[in-house]
């Protein structure tokens, strides 16, 4: 099982008394419930979601989703890890240039489909009918997010950040390695004390490119985090452990993009108030 210690540890740092946060890794999840894709960089746009994230979902029986009038739907209406842990056994990748999803199982390709075409979507849907027939409530259907909409768990879950120090602290609570990918976040960060990310709610983080992220709220966790993202085994009780140890179900934070910009692995993020204070004393 992978654990937090296998990720690059940049460590905690303070520069002239200011909090310095570093980006340890970037991930996107093109299809809700399926595997992550690591990124070396990402270009975020003002008011938009994390690029390429939750572009698609697989409807588990009719969910009433209307592309012409998209409304946020409970995740229970889609295939997702909270109920369908077998999805973690699949490794997927989506190539934007050819709008094609590739699915691997047991190290070999088992399906591919151009999600911009009816035939391609049918090929993916047919695979899931074969892969998990007992878990389906009706015909699986690939849904594409219209412009300005994504299949996120939260209505305003634009960009998600996970503090790796909090994940390492959680390992001590559960007594086992905890892969941070269980939390399916877009940006993994280092440089904060455990759970200090919660203190950032309401604050603005800035990147060297001019990117500005306003932290909006904490992320409440569900049973999807109990599933090992490599094996698909439901082997831990993350929400229960969080509540028992800390009195809440939260791990990670959501942010909105106030001003766009590029971020890369290794970039630093600063609280805007720290950056302004530094400028005032130059």
C-alpha atoms as a PDB file:
ATOM      1  CA  UNK A   1       0.000   0.000   0.000  1.00  0.00           C
ATOM      2  CA  UNK A   2       1.320   3.443  -0.845  1.00  0.00           C
ATOM      3  CA  UNK A   3       1.579   5.885   2.015  1.00  0.00           C
ATOM      4  CA  UNK A   4       2.186   9.558   2.527  1.00  0.00           C
ATOM      5  CA  UNK A   5       5.889   8.996   3.137  1.00  0.00           C
ATOM      6  CA  UNK A   6       6.352   7.829  -0.460  1.00  0.00           C
ATOM      7  CA  UNK A   7       5.501  11.308  -1.730  1.00  0.00           C
ATOM      8  CA  UNK A   8       8.167  14.016  -2.023  1.00  0.00           C
ATOM      9  CA  UNK A   9       8.455  15.663   1.371  1.00  0.00           C
ATOM     10  CA  UNK A  10       9.349  19.306   1.017  1.00  0.00           C
ATOM     11  CA  UNK A  11       8.902  19.865   4.742  1.00  0.00           C
ATOM     12  CA  UNK A  12       7.751  22.777   6.821  1.00  0.00           C
ATOM     13  CA  UNK A  13       9.389  26.121   6.160  1.00  0.00           C
ATOM     14  CA  UNK A  14       9.046  29.681   7.381  1.00  0.00           C
ATOM     15  CA  UNK A  15      10.684  32.630   5.673  1.00  0.00           C
ATOM     16  CA  UNK A  16      11.094  35.761   7.793  1.00  0.00           C
ATOM     17  CA  UNK A  17       8.210  34.602   9.985  1.00  0.00           C
ATOM     18  CA  UNK A  18       5.894  34.028   7.046  1.00  0.00           C
ATOM     19  CA  UNK A  19       4.114  30.784   6.308  1.00  0.00           C
ATOM     20  CA  UNK A  20       5.521  29.078   3.216  1.00  0.00           C
ATOM     21  CA  UNK A  21       3.373  26.402   1.562  1.00  0.00           C
ATOM     22  CA  UNK A  22       4.722  24.232  -1.244  1.00  0.00           C
ATOM     23  CA  UNK A  23       2.884  22.238  -3.883  1.00  0.00           C
ATOM     24  CA  UNK A  24       3.964  18.596  -3.543  1.00  0.00           C
ATOM     25  CA  UNK A  25       1.821  17.187  -6.364  1.00  0.00           C
ATOM     26  CA  UNK A  26      -1.087  17.942  -8.678  1.00  0.00           C
ATOM     27  CA  UNK A  27      -3.841  15.533  -9.729  1.00  0.00           C
ATOM     28  CA  UNK A  28      -6.968  15.612 -11.823  1.00  0.00           C
ATOM     29  CA  UNK A  29      -9.832  13.107 -11.983  1.00  0.00           C
ATOM     30  CA  UNK A  30     -11.327  13.330 -15.481  1.00  0.00           C
ATOM     31  CA  UNK A  31     -14.079  10.789 -14.702  1.00  0.00           C
ATOM     32  CA  UNK A  32     -15.847  10.922 -11.348  1.00  0.00           C
ATOM     33  CA  UNK A  33     -15.015   7.829  -9.303  1.00  0.00           C
ATOM     34  CA  UNK A  34     -12.172   6.645 -11.521  1.00  0.00           C
ATOM     35  CA  UNK A  35      -8.415   6.905 -11.073  1.00  0.00           C
ATOM     36  CA  UNK A  36      -6.311  10.075 -10.778  1.00  0.00           C
ATOM     37  CA  UNK A  37      -3.951  11.483 -13.385  1.00  0.00           C
ATOM     38  CA  UNK A  38      -0.784  13.183 -12.069  1.00  0.00           C
ATOM     39  CA  UNK A  39       0.140  16.549 -13.572  1.00  0.00           C
ATOM     40  CA  UNK A  40       3.379  18.512 -13.530  1.00  0.00           C
ATOM     41  CA  UNK A  41       1.540  21.803 -14.014  1.00  0.00           C
ATOM     42  CA  UNK A  42      -1.959  23.198 -14.462  1.00  0.00           C
ATOM     43  CA  UNK A  43      -3.413  26.442 -15.774  1.00  0.00           C
ATOM     44  CA  UNK A  44      -6.308  27.617 -13.612  1.00  0.00           C
ATOM     45  CA  UNK A  45      -8.880  30.118 -14.874  1.00  0.00           C
ATOM     46  CA  UNK A  46     -10.753  32.717 -12.852  1.00  0.00           C
ATOM     47  CA  UNK A  47     -14.088  31.385 -11.625  1.00  0.00           C
ATOM     48  CA  UNK A  48     -13.514  27.949 -13.140  1.00  0.00           C
ATOM     49  CA  UNK A  49     -12.862  24.455 -11.818  1.00  0.00           C
ATOM     50  CA  UNK A  50      -9.533  22.633 -11.686  1.00  0.00           C
ATOM     51  CA  UNK A  51      -8.632  21.976 -15.351  1.00  0.00           C
ATOM     52  CA  UNK A  52      -9.760  18.616 -16.705  1.00  0.00           C
ATOM     53  CA  UNK A  53     -11.300  17.561 -13.388  1.00  0.00           C
ATOM     54  CA  UNK A  54     -14.624  15.693 -13.070  1.00  0.00           C
ATOM     55  CA  UNK A  55     -15.454  16.295 -16.727  1.00  0.00           C
ATOM     56  CA  UNK A  56     -17.462  13.084 -16.894  1.00  0.00           C
ATOM     57  CA  UNK A  57     -19.545  10.855 -14.644  1.00  0.00           C
ATOM     58  CA  UNK A  58     -21.126   7.443 -15.159  1.00  0.00           C
ATOM     59  CA  UNK A  59     -24.792   7.445 -14.310  1.00  0.00           C
ATOM     60  CA  UNK A  60     -25.853   4.378 -12.315  1.00  0.00           C
ATOM     61  CA  UNK A  61     -29.372   4.102 -13.669  1.00  0.00           C
ATOM     62  CA  UNK A  62     -31.463   7.155 -14.632  1.00  0.00           C
ATOM     63  CA  UNK A  63     -30.447  10.128 -12.457  1.00  0.00           C
ATOM     64  CA  UNK A  64     -32.516  12.855 -14.070  1.00  0.00           C
ATOM     65  CA  UNK A  65     -29.471  14.832 -15.196  1.00  0.00           C
ATOM     66  CA  UNK A  66     -30.314  17.366 -17.908  1.00  0.00           C
ATOM     67  CA  UNK A  67     -27.323  18.687 -19.915  1.00  0.00           C
ATOM     68  CA  UNK A  68     -29.314  21.742 -21.013  1.00  0.00           C
ATOM     69  CA  UNK A  69     -30.148  22.596 -17.406  1.00  0.00           C
ATOM     70  CA  UNK A  70     -27.393  20.989 -15.303  1.00  0.00           C
ATOM     71  CA  UNK A  71     -28.078  20.771 -11.594  1.00  0.00           C
ATOM     72  CA  UNK A  72     -25.845  19.392  -8.883  1.00  0.00           C
ATOM     73  CA  UNK A  73     -26.757  15.760  -8.206  1.00  0.00           C
ATOM     74  CA  UNK A  74     -26.009  13.607  -5.134  1.00  0.00           C
ATOM     75  CA  UNK A  75     -23.001  11.408  -5.858  1.00  0.00           C
ATOM     76  CA  UNK A  76     -25.055   8.321  -5.004  1.00  0.00           C
ATOM     77  CA  UNK A  77     -26.614   8.669  -8.468  1.00  0.00           C
ATOM     78  CA  UNK A  78     -23.279   7.904 -10.129  1.00  0.00           C
ATOM     79  CA  UNK A  79     -20.723   5.132  -9.962  1.00  0.00           C
ATOM     80  CA  UNK A  80     -18.404   6.166  -7.119  1.00  0.00           C
ATOM     81  CA  UNK A  81     -16.022   4.674  -4.570  1.00  0.00           C
ATOM     82  CA  UNK A  82     -18.277   5.183  -1.551  1.00  0.00           C
ATOM     83  CA  UNK A  83     -20.510   2.360  -2.837  1.00  0.00           C
ATOM     84  CA  UNK A  84     -18.514   0.856  -5.713  1.00  0.00           C
ATOM     85  CA  UNK A  85     -15.047   0.098  -4.341  1.00  0.00           C
ATOM     86  CA  UNK A  86     -14.338  -2.248  -7.262  1.00  0.00           C
ATOM     87  CA  UNK A  87     -13.717   0.892  -9.354  1.00  0.00           C
ATOM     88  CA  UNK A  88     -10.350   1.279  -7.594  1.00  0.00           C
ATOM     89  CA  UNK A  89      -9.117  -1.860  -9.381  1.00  0.00           C
ATOM     90  CA  UNK A  90      -9.296   0.012 -12.668  1.00  0.00           C
ATOM     91  CA  UNK A  91      -6.558   2.306 -13.958  1.00  0.00           C
ATOM     92  CA  UNK A  92      -7.833   4.912 -16.371  1.00  0.00           C
ATOM     93  CA  UNK A  93      -6.433   7.788 -18.408  1.00  0.00           C
ATOM     94  CA  UNK A  94      -8.136  10.367 -20.548  1.00  0.00           C
ATOM     95  CA  UNK A  95      -6.400  11.959 -23.536  1.00  0.00           C
ATOM     96  CA  UNK A  96      -7.864  15.400 -24.115  1.00  0.00           C
ATOM     97  CA  UNK A  97      -6.412  15.642 -27.637  1.00  0.00           C
ATOM     98  CA  UNK A  98      -8.513  12.710 -28.861  1.00  0.00           C
ATOM     99  CA  UNK A  99     -11.258  12.905 -26.173  1.00  0.00           C
ATOM    100  CA  UNK A 100     -10.662   9.222 -25.455  1.00  0.00           C
ATOM    101  CA  UNK A 101     -10.857   7.267 -22.200  1.00  0.00           C
ATOM    102  CA  UNK A 102      -8.636   4.196 -21.764  1.00  0.00           C
ATOM    103  CA  UNK A 103      -9.385   1.605 -19.072  1.00  0.00           C
ATOM    104  CA  UNK A 104      -6.906  -0.975 -17.789  1.00  0.00           C
ATOM    105  CA  UNK A 105      -7.650  -3.887 -15.491  1.00  0.00           C
ATOM    106  CA  UNK A 106      -4.968  -6.235 -14.209  1.00  0.00           C
ATOM    107  CA  UNK A 107      -2.317  -4.460 -16.272  1.00  0.00           C
ATOM    108  CA  UNK A 108      -4.024  -4.792 -19.647  1.00  0.00           C
ATOM    109  CA  UNK A 109      -6.322  -2.559 -21.625  1.00  0.00           C
ATOM    110  CA  UNK A 110      -9.911  -3.742 -21.430  1.00  0.00           C
ATOM    111  CA  UNK A 111     -11.811  -0.831 -22.976  1.00  0.00           C
ATOM    112  CA  UNK A 112     -11.403   2.476 -24.746  1.00  0.00           C
ATOM    113  CA  UNK A 113     -13.864   4.957 -26.149  1.00  0.00           C
ATOM    114  CA  UNK A 114     -13.993   8.429 -27.646  1.00  0.00           C
ATOM    115  CA  UNK A 115     -16.312  10.150 -25.174  1.00  0.00           C
ATOM    116  CA  UNK A 116     -17.236  12.812 -27.733  1.00  0.00           C
ATOM    117  CA  UNK A 117     -19.016  10.208 -29.878  1.00  0.00           C
ATOM    118  CA  UNK A 118     -22.068   8.013 -29.214  1.00  0.00           C
ATOM    119  CA  UNK A 119     -20.130   4.906 -30.261  1.00  0.00           C
ATOM    120  CA  UNK A 120     -17.263   5.667 -27.906  1.00  0.00           C
ATOM    121  CA  UNK A 121     -19.580   6.244 -24.969  1.00  0.00           C
ATOM    122  CA  UNK A 122     -21.418   3.005 -25.753  1.00  0.00           C
ATOM    123  CA  UNK A 123     -18.119   1.093 -25.659  1.00  0.00           C
ATOM    124  CA  UNK A 124     -17.371   2.397 -22.162  1.00  0.00           C
ATOM    125  CA  UNK A 125     -20.918   1.756 -20.968  1.00  0.00           C
ATOM    126  CA  UNK A 126     -20.782  -1.815 -22.297  1.00  0.00           C
ATOM    127  CA  UNK A 127     -17.595  -2.439 -20.354  1.00  0.00           C
ATOM    128  CA  UNK A 128     -19.165  -1.349 -17.059  1.00  0.00           C
ATOM    129  CA  UNK A 129     -22.186  -3.563 -17.702  1.00  0.00           C
ATOM    130  CA  UNK A 130     -19.771  -6.501 -17.913  1.00  0.00           C
ATOM    131  CA  UNK A 131     -17.491  -5.381 -15.081  1.00  0.00           C
ATOM    132  CA  UNK A 132     -20.014  -4.741 -12.317  1.00  0.00           C
ATOM    133  CA  UNK A 133     -23.500  -6.025 -13.285  1.00  0.00           C
ATOM    134  CA  UNK A 134     -24.609  -6.636  -9.679  1.00  0.00           C
ATOM    135  CA  UNK A 135     -23.835  -3.051  -8.657  1.00  0.00           C
ATOM    136  CA  UNK A 136     -25.883  -1.392 -11.379  1.00  0.00           C
ATOM    137  CA  UNK A 137     -29.360  -0.013 -10.675  1.00  0.00           C
ATOM    138  CA  UNK A 138     -30.002   0.463 -14.367  1.00  0.00           C
ATOM    139  CA  UNK A 139     -28.098   1.005 -17.610  1.00  0.00           C
ATOM    140  CA  UNK A 140     -24.814   2.859 -17.016  1.00  0.00           C
ATOM    141  CA  UNK A 141     -24.564   6.057 -19.023  1.00  0.00           C
ATOM    142  CA  UNK A 142     -21.553   8.296 -19.621  1.00  0.00           C
ATOM    143  CA  UNK A 143     -22.442  11.924 -18.890  1.00  0.00           C
ATOM    144  CA  UNK A 144     -20.367  14.900 -20.047  1.00  0.00           C
ATOM    145  CA  UNK A 145     -20.324  18.110 -18.048  1.00  0.00           C
ATOM    146  CA  UNK A 146     -21.611  21.157 -19.971  1.00  0.00           C
ATOM    147  CA  UNK A 147     -19.550  24.333 -19.923  1.00  0.00           C
ATOM    148  CA  UNK A 148     -19.409  25.866 -16.455  1.00  0.00           C
ATOM    149  CA  UNK A 149     -20.420  22.652 -14.690  1.00  0.00           C
ATOM    150  CA  UNK A 150     -18.511  19.718 -13.176  1.00  0.00           C
ATOM    151  CA  UNK A 151     -19.473  16.500 -11.411  1.00  0.00           C
ATOM    152  CA  UNK A 152     -17.972  17.506  -8.069  1.00  0.00           C
ATOM    153  CA  UNK A 153     -19.241  16.295  -4.699  1.00  0.00           C
ATOM    154  CA  UNK A 154     -19.780  19.884  -3.545  1.00  0.00           C
ATOM    155  CA  UNK A 155     -21.754  22.493  -5.469  1.00  0.00           C
ATOM    156  CA  UNK A 156     -18.864  24.924  -5.046  1.00  0.00           C
ATOM    157  CA  UNK A 157     -15.991  22.446  -4.948  1.00  0.00           C
ATOM    158  CA  UNK A 158     -13.846  24.224  -7.529  1.00  0.00           C
ATOM    159  CA  UNK A 159     -10.324  23.243  -6.398  1.00  0.00           C
ATOM    160  CA  UNK A 160      -9.437  20.890  -3.537  1.00  0.00           C
ATOM    161  CA  UNK A 161      -6.241  20.988  -1.453  1.00  0.00           C
ATOM    162  CA  UNK A 162      -4.913  18.267   0.859  1.00  0.00           C
ATOM    163  CA  UNK A 163      -2.358  18.985   3.597  1.00  0.00           C
ATOM    164  CA  UNK A 164       0.038  16.028   3.626  1.00  0.00           C
ATOM    165  CA  UNK A 165       1.016  16.757   7.229  1.00  0.00           C
ATOM    166  CA  UNK A 166      -2.600  16.133   8.240  1.00  0.00           C
ATOM    167  CA  UNK A 167      -2.573  12.822   6.381  1.00  0.00           C
ATOM    168  CA  UNK A 168       0.605  11.770   8.182  1.00  0.00           C
ATOM    169  CA  UNK A 169      -0.956  12.746  11.520  1.00  0.00           C
ATOM    170  CA  UNK A 170      -4.010  10.667  10.604  1.00  0.00           C
ATOM    171  CA  UNK A 171      -1.742   7.661  10.053  1.00  0.00           C
ATOM    172  CA  UNK A 172      -0.875   7.794  13.752  1.00  0.00           C
ATOM    173  CA  UNK A 173      -4.575   7.752  14.597  1.00  0.00           C
ATOM    174  CA  UNK A 174      -5.528   4.787  12.395  1.00  0.00           C
ATOM    175  CA  UNK A 175      -2.269   2.915  13.018  1.00  0.00           C
ATOM    176  CA  UNK A 176      -1.684   2.232   9.328  1.00  0.00           C
ATOM    177  CA  UNK A 177      -0.335   3.957   6.208  1.00  0.00           C
ATOM    178  CA  UNK A 178      -2.848   6.338   4.620  1.00  0.00           C
ATOM    179  CA  UNK A 179      -2.369   7.085   0.935  1.00  0.00           C
ATOM    180  CA  UNK A 180      -3.291  10.770   0.407  1.00  0.00           C
ATOM    181  CA  UNK A 181      -4.903   9.764  -2.879  1.00  0.00           C
ATOM    182  CA  UNK A 182      -7.762   8.367  -0.788  1.00  0.00           C
ATOM    183  CA  UNK A 183      -8.927  11.986  -0.468  1.00  0.00           C
ATOM    184  CA  UNK A 184      -8.988  12.579  -4.238  1.00  0.00           C
ATOM    185  CA  UNK A 185      -7.663  16.138  -3.998  1.00  0.00           C
ATOM    186  CA  UNK A 186      -6.297  18.287  -6.814  1.00  0.00           C
ATOM    187  CA  UNK A 187      -3.382  19.891  -4.947  1.00  0.00           C
ATOM    188  CA  UNK A 188      -1.253  18.207  -2.290  1.00  0.00           C
ATOM    189  CA  UNK A 189       0.572  20.727  -0.118  1.00  0.00           C
ATOM    190  CA  UNK A 190       3.457  20.710   2.358  1.00  0.00           C
ATOM    191  CA  UNK A 191       4.705  23.327   4.794  1.00  0.00           C
ATOM    192  CA  UNK A 192       1.737  23.511   7.163  1.00  0.00           C
ATOM    193  CA  UNK A 193       1.362  21.925  10.575  1.00  0.00           C
ATOM    194  CA  UNK A 194      -1.243  19.145  10.763  1.00  0.00           C
ATOM    195  CA  UNK A 195      -4.757  20.539  10.363  1.00  0.00           C
ATOM    196  CA  UNK A 196      -3.483  24.131   9.983  1.00  0.00           C
ATOM    197  CA  UNK A 197      -5.190  24.215   6.586  1.00  0.00           C
ATOM    198  CA  UNK A 198      -8.505  24.747   8.387  1.00  0.00           C
ATOM    199  CA  UNK A 199      -7.191  28.109   9.622  1.00  0.00           C
ATOM    200  CA  UNK A 200      -6.914  29.232   5.995  1.00  0.00           C
ATOM    201  CA  UNK A 201     -10.684  29.278   5.424  1.00  0.00           C
ATOM    202  CA  UNK A 202     -11.609  32.787   4.309  1.00  0.00           C
ATOM    203  CA  UNK A 203      -8.033  33.642   3.351  1.00  0.00           C
ATOM    204  CA  UNK A 204      -6.444  34.081  -0.085  1.00  0.00           C
ATOM    205  CA  UNK A 205      -3.418  32.100  -1.290  1.00  0.00           C
ATOM    206  CA  UNK A 206      -1.204  33.469  -4.057  1.00  0.00           C
ATOM    207  CA  UNK A 207       1.233  31.752  -6.436  1.00  0.00           C
ATOM    208  CA  UNK A 208       4.217  33.278  -8.302  1.00  0.00           C
ATOM    209  CA  UNK A 209       2.217  33.325 -11.562  1.00  0.00           C
ATOM    210  CA  UNK A 210      -0.412  35.659 -10.076  1.00  0.00           C
ATOM    211  CA  UNK A 211      -2.880  32.878  -9.316  1.00  0.00           C
ATOM    212  CA  UNK A 212      -5.132  33.746  -6.362  1.00  0.00           C
ATOM    213  CA  UNK A 213      -7.138  31.090  -4.547  1.00  0.00           C
ATOM    214  CA  UNK A 214      -9.711  31.964  -1.904  1.00  0.00           C
ATOM    215  CA  UNK A 215     -10.140  29.133   0.586  1.00  0.00           C
ATOM    216  CA  UNK A 216     -13.884  28.673   1.048  1.00  0.00           C
ATOM    217  CA  UNK A 217     -14.537  25.711   3.323  1.00  0.00           C
ATOM    218  CA  UNK A 218     -13.375  22.449   4.837  1.00  0.00           C
ATOM    219  CA  UNK A 219     -14.096  19.162   3.056  1.00  0.00           C
ATOM    220  CA  UNK A 220     -16.255  16.646   4.879  1.00  0.00           C
ATOM    221  CA  UNK A 221     -15.261  13.052   4.173  1.00  0.00           C
ATOM    222  CA  UNK A 222     -17.391  10.025   3.375  1.00  0.00           C
ATOM    223  CA  UNK A 223     -16.809   6.260   3.235  1.00  0.00           C
ATOM    224  CA  UNK A 224     -15.068   6.558  -0.149  1.00  0.00           C
ATOM    225  CA  UNK A 225     -11.870   7.294   1.809  1.00  0.00           C
ATOM    226  CA  UNK A 226     -12.083   3.845   3.419  1.00  0.00           C
ATOM    227  CA  UNK A 227     -11.126   2.261   0.081  1.00  0.00           C
ATOM    228  CA  UNK A 228      -7.488   1.637  -0.780  1.00  0.00           C
ATOM    229  CA  UNK A 229      -6.992   3.449  -4.123  1.00  0.00           C
ATOM    230  CA  UNK A 230      -4.649   0.715  -5.405  1.00  0.00           C
ATOM    231  CA  UNK A 231      -6.392  -2.501  -4.391  1.00  0.00           C
ATOM    232  CA  UNK A 232     -10.037  -1.513  -4.074  1.00  0.00           C
ATOM    233  CA  UNK A 233     -10.127  -3.112  -0.609  1.00  0.00           C
ATOM    234  CA  UNK A 234     -12.230  -1.340   2.020  1.00  0.00           C
ATOM    235  CA  UNK A 235      -9.575  -1.617   4.708  1.00  0.00           C
ATOM    236  CA  UNK A 236      -9.779   1.512   6.912  1.00  0.00           C
ATOM    237  CA  UNK A 237     -12.444   3.568   8.684  1.00  0.00           C
ATOM    238  CA  UNK A 238     -11.317   7.103   7.896  1.00  0.00           C
ATOM    239  CA  UNK A 239     -14.472   9.137   8.742  1.00  0.00           C
ATOM    240  CA  UNK A 240     -14.989   7.168  11.965  1.00  0.00           C
ATOM    241  CA  UNK A 241     -11.339   7.688  12.918  1.00  0.00           C
ATOM    242  CA  UNK A 242     -11.542  11.420  12.204  1.00  0.00           C
ATOM    243  CA  UNK A 243     -14.623  11.811  14.356  1.00  0.00           C
ATOM    244  CA  UNK A 244     -13.212   9.742  17.210  1.00  0.00           C
ATOM    245  CA  UNK A 245      -9.872  11.579  17.294  1.00  0.00           C
ATOM    246  CA  UNK A 246     -10.841  15.125  16.306  1.00  0.00           C
ATOM    247  CA  UNK A 247     -14.605  15.454  16.586  1.00  0.00           C
ATOM    248  CA  UNK A 248     -15.161  16.102  12.869  1.00  0.00           C
ATOM    249  CA  UNK A 249     -15.190  14.305   9.509  1.00  0.00           C
ATOM    250  CA  UNK A 250     -13.016  16.866   7.698  1.00  0.00           C
ATOM    251  CA  UNK A 251      -9.778  16.507   5.759  1.00  0.00           C
ATOM    252  CA  UNK A 252      -8.771  19.056   3.115  1.00  0.00           C
ATOM    253  CA  UNK A 253     -10.111  22.406   1.962  1.00  0.00           C
ATOM    254  CA  UNK A 254     -11.903  23.815  -1.072  1.00  0.00           C
ATOM    255  CA  UNK A 255     -10.866  27.012  -2.819  1.00  0.00           C
ATOM    256  CA  UNK A 256     -12.226  29.256  -5.565  1.00  0.00           C
ATOM    257  CA  UNK A 257     -10.056  30.788  -8.291  1.00  0.00           C
ATOM    258  CA  UNK A 258     -10.135  34.584  -7.895  1.00  0.00           C
ATOM    259  CA  UNK A 259      -7.423  35.218 -10.509  1.00  0.00           C
ATOM    260  CA  UNK A 260      -6.068  32.682 -12.948  1.00  0.00           C
ATOM    261  CA  UNK A 261      -2.506  31.510 -13.395  1.00  0.00           C
ATOM    262  CA  UNK A 262      -0.208  28.539 -13.807  1.00  0.00           C
ATOM    263  CA  UNK A 263       0.880  26.331 -10.908  1.00  0.00           C
ATOM    264  CA  UNK A 264       3.600  23.699 -10.976  1.00  0.00           C
ATOM    265  CA  UNK A 265       4.826  21.003  -8.637  1.00  0.00           C
ATOM    266  CA  UNK A 266       7.335  22.683  -6.324  1.00  0.00           C
ATOM    267  CA  UNK A 267       5.713  26.119  -6.547  1.00  0.00           C
ATOM    268  CA  UNK A 268       5.099  28.044  -3.350  1.00  0.00           C
ATOM    269  CA  UNK A 269       1.821  29.454  -2.136  1.00  0.00           C
ATOM    270  CA  UNK A 270       1.641  32.383   0.267  1.00  0.00           C
ATOM    271  CA  UNK A 271      -1.150  33.872   2.275  1.00  0.00           C
ATOM    272  CA  UNK A 272      -1.937  37.151   0.588  1.00  0.00           C
ATOM    273  CA  UNK A 273      -1.734  39.020   3.884  1.00  0.00           C
ATOM    274  CA  UNK A 274       1.830  37.727   4.377  1.00  0.00           C
ATOM    275  CA  UNK A 275       2.849  38.823   0.893  1.00  0.00           C
ATOM    276  CA  UNK A 276       1.345  42.261   1.432  1.00  0.00           C
ATOM    277  CA  UNK A 277       3.113  42.622   4.771  1.00  0.00           C
ATOM    278  CA  UNK A 278       6.434  41.741   3.175  1.00  0.00           C
ATOM    279  CA  UNK A 279       5.882  44.315   0.442  1.00  0.00           C
ATOM    280  CA  UNK A 280       5.007  46.987   3.009  1.00  0.00           C
ATOM    281  CA  UNK A 281       8.375  46.573   4.732  1.00  0.00           C
ATOM    282  CA  UNK A 282      10.544  46.428   1.604  1.00  0.00           C
END
